[in-house]
N, C-alpha and C. Protein backbone atom coordinates (compact mmCIF):
# COMPACT_ATOMS: atom_id res chain seq x y z
N MET A 1 -47.92 6.29 149.56
CA MET A 1 -49.08 5.78 150.27
C MET A 1 -49.30 6.60 151.54
N GLU A 2 -50.55 6.91 151.81
CA GLU A 2 -50.90 7.70 152.99
C GLU A 2 -51.41 6.80 154.12
N ARG A 3 -51.42 7.35 155.31
CA ARG A 3 -52.03 6.68 156.45
C ARG A 3 -53.54 6.72 156.20
N THR A 4 -54.21 5.59 156.31
CA THR A 4 -55.63 5.52 156.00
C THR A 4 -56.39 4.90 157.14
N LEU A 5 -57.50 5.53 157.51
CA LEU A 5 -58.39 5.01 158.54
C LEU A 5 -59.66 4.54 157.84
N TYR A 6 -59.93 3.25 157.96
CA TYR A 6 -61.10 2.65 157.33
C TYR A 6 -62.19 2.49 158.39
N GLY A 7 -63.40 2.87 158.02
CA GLY A 7 -64.51 2.71 158.95
C GLY A 7 -65.75 3.43 158.46
N PHE A 8 -66.71 3.58 159.36
CA PHE A 8 -67.98 4.20 159.03
C PHE A 8 -68.15 5.43 159.92
N TRP A 9 -68.46 6.56 159.33
CA TRP A 9 -68.47 7.85 160.02
C TRP A 9 -69.37 7.87 161.25
N ALA A 10 -70.43 7.08 161.29
CA ALA A 10 -71.36 7.09 162.43
C ALA A 10 -70.89 6.21 163.58
N SER A 11 -69.81 5.51 163.41
CA SER A 11 -69.30 4.62 164.44
C SER A 11 -68.57 5.39 165.53
N PRO A 12 -68.95 5.20 166.79
CA PRO A 12 -68.20 5.87 167.87
C PRO A 12 -66.77 5.34 167.96
N PHE A 13 -66.56 4.12 167.51
CA PHE A 13 -65.22 3.54 167.54
C PHE A 13 -64.31 4.21 166.50
N LEU A 14 -64.87 4.50 165.33
CA LEU A 14 -64.11 5.24 164.33
C LEU A 14 -63.79 6.64 164.86
N SER A 15 -64.77 7.28 165.49
CA SER A 15 -64.55 8.63 166.04
C SER A 15 -63.43 8.64 167.06
N PHE A 16 -63.37 7.61 167.90
CA PHE A 16 -62.32 7.50 168.91
C PHE A 16 -60.95 7.39 168.25
N ALA A 17 -60.84 6.53 167.24
CA ALA A 17 -59.57 6.35 166.53
C ALA A 17 -59.17 7.61 165.78
N ALA A 18 -60.14 8.26 165.14
CA ALA A 18 -59.86 9.50 164.41
C ALA A 18 -59.40 10.60 165.37
N GLN A 19 -60.02 10.67 166.54
CA GLN A 19 -59.62 11.67 167.53
C GLN A 19 -58.19 11.43 168.00
N ALA A 20 -57.82 10.16 168.19
CA ALA A 20 -56.45 9.83 168.58
C ALA A 20 -55.46 10.28 167.52
N LEU A 21 -55.79 10.09 166.25
CA LEU A 21 -54.93 10.54 165.16
C LEU A 21 -54.82 12.07 165.14
N LEU A 22 -55.94 12.74 165.33
CA LEU A 22 -55.94 14.20 165.33
C LEU A 22 -55.13 14.76 166.49
N GLU A 23 -55.29 14.16 167.67
CA GLU A 23 -54.53 14.63 168.83
C GLU A 23 -53.04 14.39 168.68
N ALA A 24 -52.68 13.32 167.97
CA ALA A 24 -51.26 13.04 167.72
C ALA A 24 -50.73 13.86 166.54
N GLU A 25 -51.62 14.66 165.93
CA GLU A 25 -51.28 15.49 164.78
C GLU A 25 -50.70 14.67 163.63
N LEU A 26 -51.31 13.51 163.41
CA LEU A 26 -50.90 12.64 162.31
C LEU A 26 -51.92 12.76 161.18
N PRO A 27 -51.49 13.17 160.01
CA PRO A 27 -52.43 13.28 158.89
C PRO A 27 -52.91 11.90 158.45
N PHE A 28 -54.17 11.83 158.05
CA PHE A 28 -54.72 10.56 157.59
C PHE A 28 -55.84 10.79 156.59
N GLU A 29 -56.08 9.77 155.83
CA GLU A 29 -57.18 9.77 154.86
C GLU A 29 -58.26 8.86 155.42
N TYR A 30 -59.51 9.25 155.25
CA TYR A 30 -60.65 8.42 155.69
C TYR A 30 -61.21 7.67 154.49
N GLN A 31 -61.41 6.37 154.65
CA GLN A 31 -62.06 5.57 153.62
C GLN A 31 -63.28 4.90 154.23
N ARG A 32 -64.42 5.13 153.62
CA ARG A 32 -65.67 4.60 154.15
C ARG A 32 -65.74 3.09 153.93
N VAL A 33 -66.06 2.39 155.01
CA VAL A 33 -66.35 0.95 154.98
C VAL A 33 -67.63 0.79 155.79
N SER A 34 -68.75 0.61 155.12
CA SER A 34 -70.04 0.59 155.79
C SER A 34 -70.47 -0.83 156.15
N PRO A 35 -70.68 -1.08 157.44
CA PRO A 35 -71.18 -2.39 157.83
C PRO A 35 -72.63 -2.60 157.38
N PHE A 36 -73.34 -1.53 157.13
CA PHE A 36 -74.73 -1.63 156.72
C PHE A 36 -74.89 -2.02 155.25
N LYS A 37 -73.83 -1.85 154.47
CA LYS A 37 -73.85 -2.21 153.05
C LYS A 37 -73.05 -3.48 152.79
N GLY A 38 -72.54 -4.10 153.86
CA GLY A 38 -71.76 -5.32 153.70
C GLY A 38 -70.31 -5.09 153.32
N ASP A 39 -69.87 -3.85 153.38
CA ASP A 39 -68.49 -3.54 152.99
C ASP A 39 -67.46 -4.24 153.86
N THR A 40 -67.79 -4.49 155.13
CA THR A 40 -66.82 -5.11 156.03
C THR A 40 -66.53 -6.56 155.63
N TYR A 41 -67.43 -7.17 154.86
CA TYR A 41 -67.23 -8.56 154.44
C TYR A 41 -66.70 -8.69 153.01
N ARG A 42 -66.39 -7.59 152.39
CA ARG A 42 -65.80 -7.65 151.05
C ARG A 42 -64.34 -8.08 151.17
N GLU A 43 -63.88 -8.77 150.16
CA GLU A 43 -62.51 -9.31 150.17
C GLU A 43 -61.47 -8.23 150.44
N GLU A 44 -61.69 -7.06 149.89
CA GLU A 44 -60.75 -5.95 150.07
C GLU A 44 -60.56 -5.61 151.56
N HIS A 45 -61.68 -5.60 152.31
CA HIS A 45 -61.57 -5.28 153.74
C HIS A 45 -61.11 -6.49 154.55
N ILE A 46 -61.56 -7.66 154.20
CA ILE A 46 -61.14 -8.88 154.90
C ILE A 46 -59.62 -9.03 154.83
N SER A 47 -59.02 -8.60 153.74
CA SER A 47 -57.56 -8.68 153.64
C SER A 47 -56.87 -7.74 154.63
N ARG A 48 -57.58 -6.70 155.07
CA ARG A 48 -57.04 -5.79 156.08
C ARG A 48 -57.40 -6.23 157.50
N ASN A 49 -58.58 -6.82 157.65
CA ASN A 49 -59.07 -7.19 158.97
C ASN A 49 -59.86 -8.49 158.86
N ARG A 50 -59.27 -9.58 159.26
CA ARG A 50 -59.91 -10.90 159.12
C ARG A 50 -61.20 -11.04 159.91
N LEU A 51 -61.36 -10.23 160.94
CA LEU A 51 -62.59 -10.28 161.75
C LEU A 51 -63.70 -9.42 161.17
N ALA A 52 -63.43 -8.74 160.07
CA ALA A 52 -64.41 -7.91 159.36
C ALA A 52 -64.94 -6.78 160.24
N LYS A 53 -64.06 -6.18 161.05
CA LYS A 53 -64.47 -5.11 161.94
C LYS A 53 -63.88 -3.78 161.49
N ILE A 54 -64.46 -2.73 162.04
CA ILE A 54 -63.96 -1.38 161.84
C ILE A 54 -63.83 -0.73 163.21
N PRO A 55 -62.95 0.21 163.38
CA PRO A 55 -62.04 0.79 162.40
C PRO A 55 -60.78 -0.05 162.22
N THR A 56 -60.11 0.23 161.12
CA THR A 56 -58.82 -0.36 160.80
C THR A 56 -57.93 0.76 160.29
N LEU A 57 -56.71 0.80 160.79
CA LEU A 57 -55.74 1.81 160.38
C LEU A 57 -54.64 1.14 159.58
N MET A 58 -54.35 1.69 158.39
CA MET A 58 -53.24 1.20 157.60
C MET A 58 -52.19 2.30 157.53
N GLU A 59 -51.00 1.97 157.98
CA GLU A 59 -49.89 2.91 157.97
C GLU A 59 -49.29 3.00 156.56
N PRO A 60 -48.53 4.05 156.27
CA PRO A 60 -47.93 4.21 154.94
C PRO A 60 -47.05 3.03 154.53
N ASP A 61 -46.43 2.35 155.49
CA ASP A 61 -45.58 1.21 155.15
C ASP A 61 -46.36 -0.10 155.02
N GLY A 62 -47.71 -0.04 155.14
CA GLY A 62 -48.54 -1.21 154.99
C GLY A 62 -48.89 -1.91 156.30
N PHE A 63 -48.32 -1.46 157.42
CA PHE A 63 -48.63 -2.03 158.73
C PHE A 63 -50.08 -1.74 159.07
N ILE A 64 -50.81 -2.75 159.57
CA ILE A 64 -52.23 -2.61 159.84
C ILE A 64 -52.51 -2.81 161.32
N VAL A 65 -53.34 -1.92 161.87
CA VAL A 65 -53.78 -2.01 163.26
C VAL A 65 -55.31 -1.91 163.26
N SER A 66 -55.96 -2.79 164.01
CA SER A 66 -57.42 -2.79 164.08
C SER A 66 -57.89 -2.61 165.51
N GLU A 67 -59.15 -2.24 165.65
CA GLU A 67 -59.81 -1.99 166.92
C GLU A 67 -59.40 -0.62 167.48
N SER A 68 -60.37 0.17 167.86
CA SER A 68 -60.13 1.55 168.27
C SER A 68 -59.16 1.67 169.45
N GLN A 69 -59.33 0.85 170.47
CA GLN A 69 -58.45 0.91 171.63
C GLN A 69 -57.00 0.56 171.25
N THR A 70 -56.85 -0.43 170.40
CA THR A 70 -55.52 -0.86 169.96
C THR A 70 -54.88 0.23 169.10
N ILE A 71 -55.67 0.87 168.25
CA ILE A 71 -55.15 1.97 167.43
C ILE A 71 -54.66 3.11 168.33
N ALA A 72 -55.47 3.48 169.32
CA ALA A 72 -55.08 4.56 170.23
C ALA A 72 -53.82 4.20 171.00
N ARG A 73 -53.73 2.99 171.47
CA ARG A 73 -52.53 2.55 172.20
C ARG A 73 -51.31 2.54 171.29
N TYR A 74 -51.49 2.09 170.06
CA TYR A 74 -50.41 2.07 169.08
C TYR A 74 -49.87 3.47 168.81
N LEU A 75 -50.80 4.41 168.66
CA LEU A 75 -50.38 5.79 168.36
C LEU A 75 -49.67 6.42 169.53
């Protein structure tokens, strides 16, 4: 399992979290979750983030961190 960042490419919050990962030189996979298509409210995403927000980071061991500021602090 890879480190995965879930979110929408146009989100400044996703960009902030992605930049934190890049600066930490941590490889990650991007998975699109579009709030405009209702993806944030799909069961698959709700299981990762009960508040239906993006971005969400899933670590290889299954640990989940949400919210851009929290992701950056975690990293």
